[in-house]
Protein backbone atom coordinates (compact mmCIF):
# COMPACT_ATOMS: atom_id res chain seq x y z
CA MET A 1 -51.98 30.00 -30.29
CA GLU A 2 -54.19 26.98 -29.62
CA THR A 3 -57.42 26.54 -31.54
CA LYS A 4 -60.28 24.82 -29.75
CA LEU A 5 -61.84 22.56 -32.35
CA LEU A 6 -63.49 20.01 -30.07
CA ARG A 7 -66.84 21.02 -28.59
CA PRO A 8 -66.08 22.94 -25.36
CA GLN A 9 -69.35 21.92 -23.66
CA VAL A 10 -68.36 18.24 -23.84
CA THR A 11 -65.99 16.44 -21.47
CA TYR A 12 -63.18 14.48 -23.11
CA HIS A 13 -60.66 12.12 -21.57
CA VAL A 14 -57.21 11.95 -23.15
CA GLU A 15 -56.31 8.39 -24.05
CA THR A 16 -53.25 6.73 -25.47
CA LEU A 17 -53.19 5.08 -28.85
CA GLU A 18 -52.99 1.75 -27.03
CA GLU A 19 -56.13 2.52 -25.02
CA PHE A 20 -57.92 3.48 -28.24
CA GLU A 21 -56.84 0.23 -29.91
CA GLU A 22 -58.07 -1.82 -26.95
CA ARG A 23 -61.53 -0.27 -26.84
CA TYR A 24 -62.33 0.60 -30.46
CA SER A 25 -63.14 -1.98 -33.11
CA GLY A 26 -65.55 -0.04 -35.32
CA PHE A 27 -65.53 1.61 -38.70
CA GLY A 28 -62.32 3.47 -39.53
CA LYS A 29 -60.30 1.66 -36.87
CA GLU A 30 -57.15 1.78 -39.04
CA THR A 31 -57.30 5.54 -39.60
CA TYR A 32 -54.59 6.44 -37.10
CA GLU A 33 -52.38 3.57 -38.27
CA ASN A 34 -52.67 4.88 -41.83
CA ILE A 35 -51.83 8.42 -40.72
CA LYS A 36 -48.75 7.07 -38.97
CA LYS A 37 -47.74 5.20 -42.15
CA TYR A 38 -48.52 7.84 -44.80
CA ILE A 39 -48.20 11.16 -42.93
CA PRO A 40 -45.77 10.31 -40.12
CA GLU A 41 -44.76 13.94 -39.64
CA ILE A 42 -48.15 14.71 -38.08
CA PHE A 43 -48.71 11.50 -36.15
CA ASP A 44 -46.68 12.49 -33.07
CA SER A 45 -48.76 15.65 -32.68
CA LEU A 46 -52.09 13.81 -32.53
CA VAL A 47 -53.82 13.76 -29.16
CA PHE A 48 -56.43 11.02 -28.77
CA TYR A 49 -59.67 11.44 -26.84
CA LYS A 50 -62.68 9.53 -25.64
CA CYS A 51 -65.83 11.50 -24.96
CA ILE A 52 -66.98 11.06 -21.36
CA ASP A 53 -70.53 12.41 -21.52
CA CYS A 54 -71.63 11.60 -25.06
CA GLN A 55 -71.00 9.10 -27.84
CA LEU A 56 -68.84 6.87 -25.65
CA GLU A 57 -68.03 4.53 -28.53
CA ASP A 58 -66.56 7.27 -30.74
CA SER A 59 -62.90 8.19 -31.00
CA TYR A 60 -61.52 11.68 -31.41
CA ALA A 61 -58.07 12.94 -32.28
CA GLU A 62 -56.80 16.48 -32.50
CA TYR A 63 -53.78 17.52 -34.50
CA LYS A 64 -52.14 20.03 -32.21
CA ASN A 65 -50.42 22.49 -34.51
CA ASP A 66 -50.51 26.28 -34.51
CA ARG A 67 -50.50 26.46 -38.28
CA PHE A 68 -52.72 23.56 -39.42
CA PRO A 69 -54.87 22.27 -36.53
CA PHE A 70 -57.64 19.80 -37.33
CA CYS A 71 -59.73 17.08 -35.71
CA ILE A 72 -60.79 13.55 -36.51
CA GLN A 73 -63.84 11.71 -35.27
CA LEU A 74 -64.43 8.02 -35.83
CA ASP A 75 -68.09 7.10 -35.45
CA PRO A 76 -68.77 3.36 -35.59
CA LEU A 77 -72.57 3.68 -35.34
CA ILE A 78 -73.06 5.65 -38.54
CA GLU A 79 -69.80 4.41 -40.07
CA VAL A 80 -68.09 7.70 -40.82
CA ILE A 81 -64.71 9.32 -40.44
CA VAL A 82 -65.28 13.03 -39.81
CA LEU A 83 -62.50 15.53 -40.47
CA TRP A 84 -62.72 19.23 -39.69
CA ASN A 85 -60.83 22.40 -38.96
CA LYS A 86 -62.08 25.98 -38.55
CA SER A 87 -63.19 26.27 -42.17
CA LYS A 88 -63.54 22.79 -43.71
CA HIS A 89 -65.52 19.68 -42.89
CA ILE A 90 -65.94 16.30 -44.57
CA GLU A 91 -67.53 12.99 -43.72
CA ILE A 92 -66.02 9.90 -45.33
CA GLY A 93 -68.06 6.76 -44.94
CA TYR A 94 -68.83 3.22 -45.96
CA TRP A 95 -69.76 4.51 -49.44
CA SER A 96 -66.13 5.36 -50.15
CA LYS A 97 -64.14 2.86 -52.20
CA ASN A 98 -61.17 3.39 -49.86
CA GLU A 99 -62.00 5.45 -46.78
CA TYR A 100 -58.37 5.44 -45.59
CA LEU A 101 -56.96 6.74 -48.87
CA ASP A 102 -59.70 9.38 -49.05
CA THR A 103 -58.90 10.45 -45.47
CA ILE A 104 -55.16 10.71 -46.11
CA ASN A 105 -55.68 12.60 -49.37
CA PHE A 106 -58.08 15.07 -47.75
CA ILE A 107 -55.72 15.75 -44.86
CA LYS A 108 -52.81 16.33 -47.23
CA SER A 109 -54.66 18.46 -49.77
CA GLU A 110 -57.04 20.44 -47.55
CA PHE A 111 -55.46 20.71 -44.09
CA LEU A 112 -51.72 20.70 -44.63
CA GLN A 113 -51.50 23.26 -47.44
């Protein structure tokens, strides 16, 4: 069973991690690298996206998993990392002492349980 967490009315283009790294230099740019380092078991199931018809500078990733699907949005303009699934949502921003640690901890404690 696949859960559609990205907005269906928006067009997304799948991109590789390398394409993301080439085009994105904004807030949260090391999020995926930190996921690979601290939660490697989920990294290979992340699918990366670029929005085609909105927020072109943002990055999206979807954890494709029947049991614990969730999404990530990196927004460089308002400097937030957005995490959500069907029932939970959080925005982690520049106000965080360590946005990467907060992101990893939220994923582990709220999405993978």
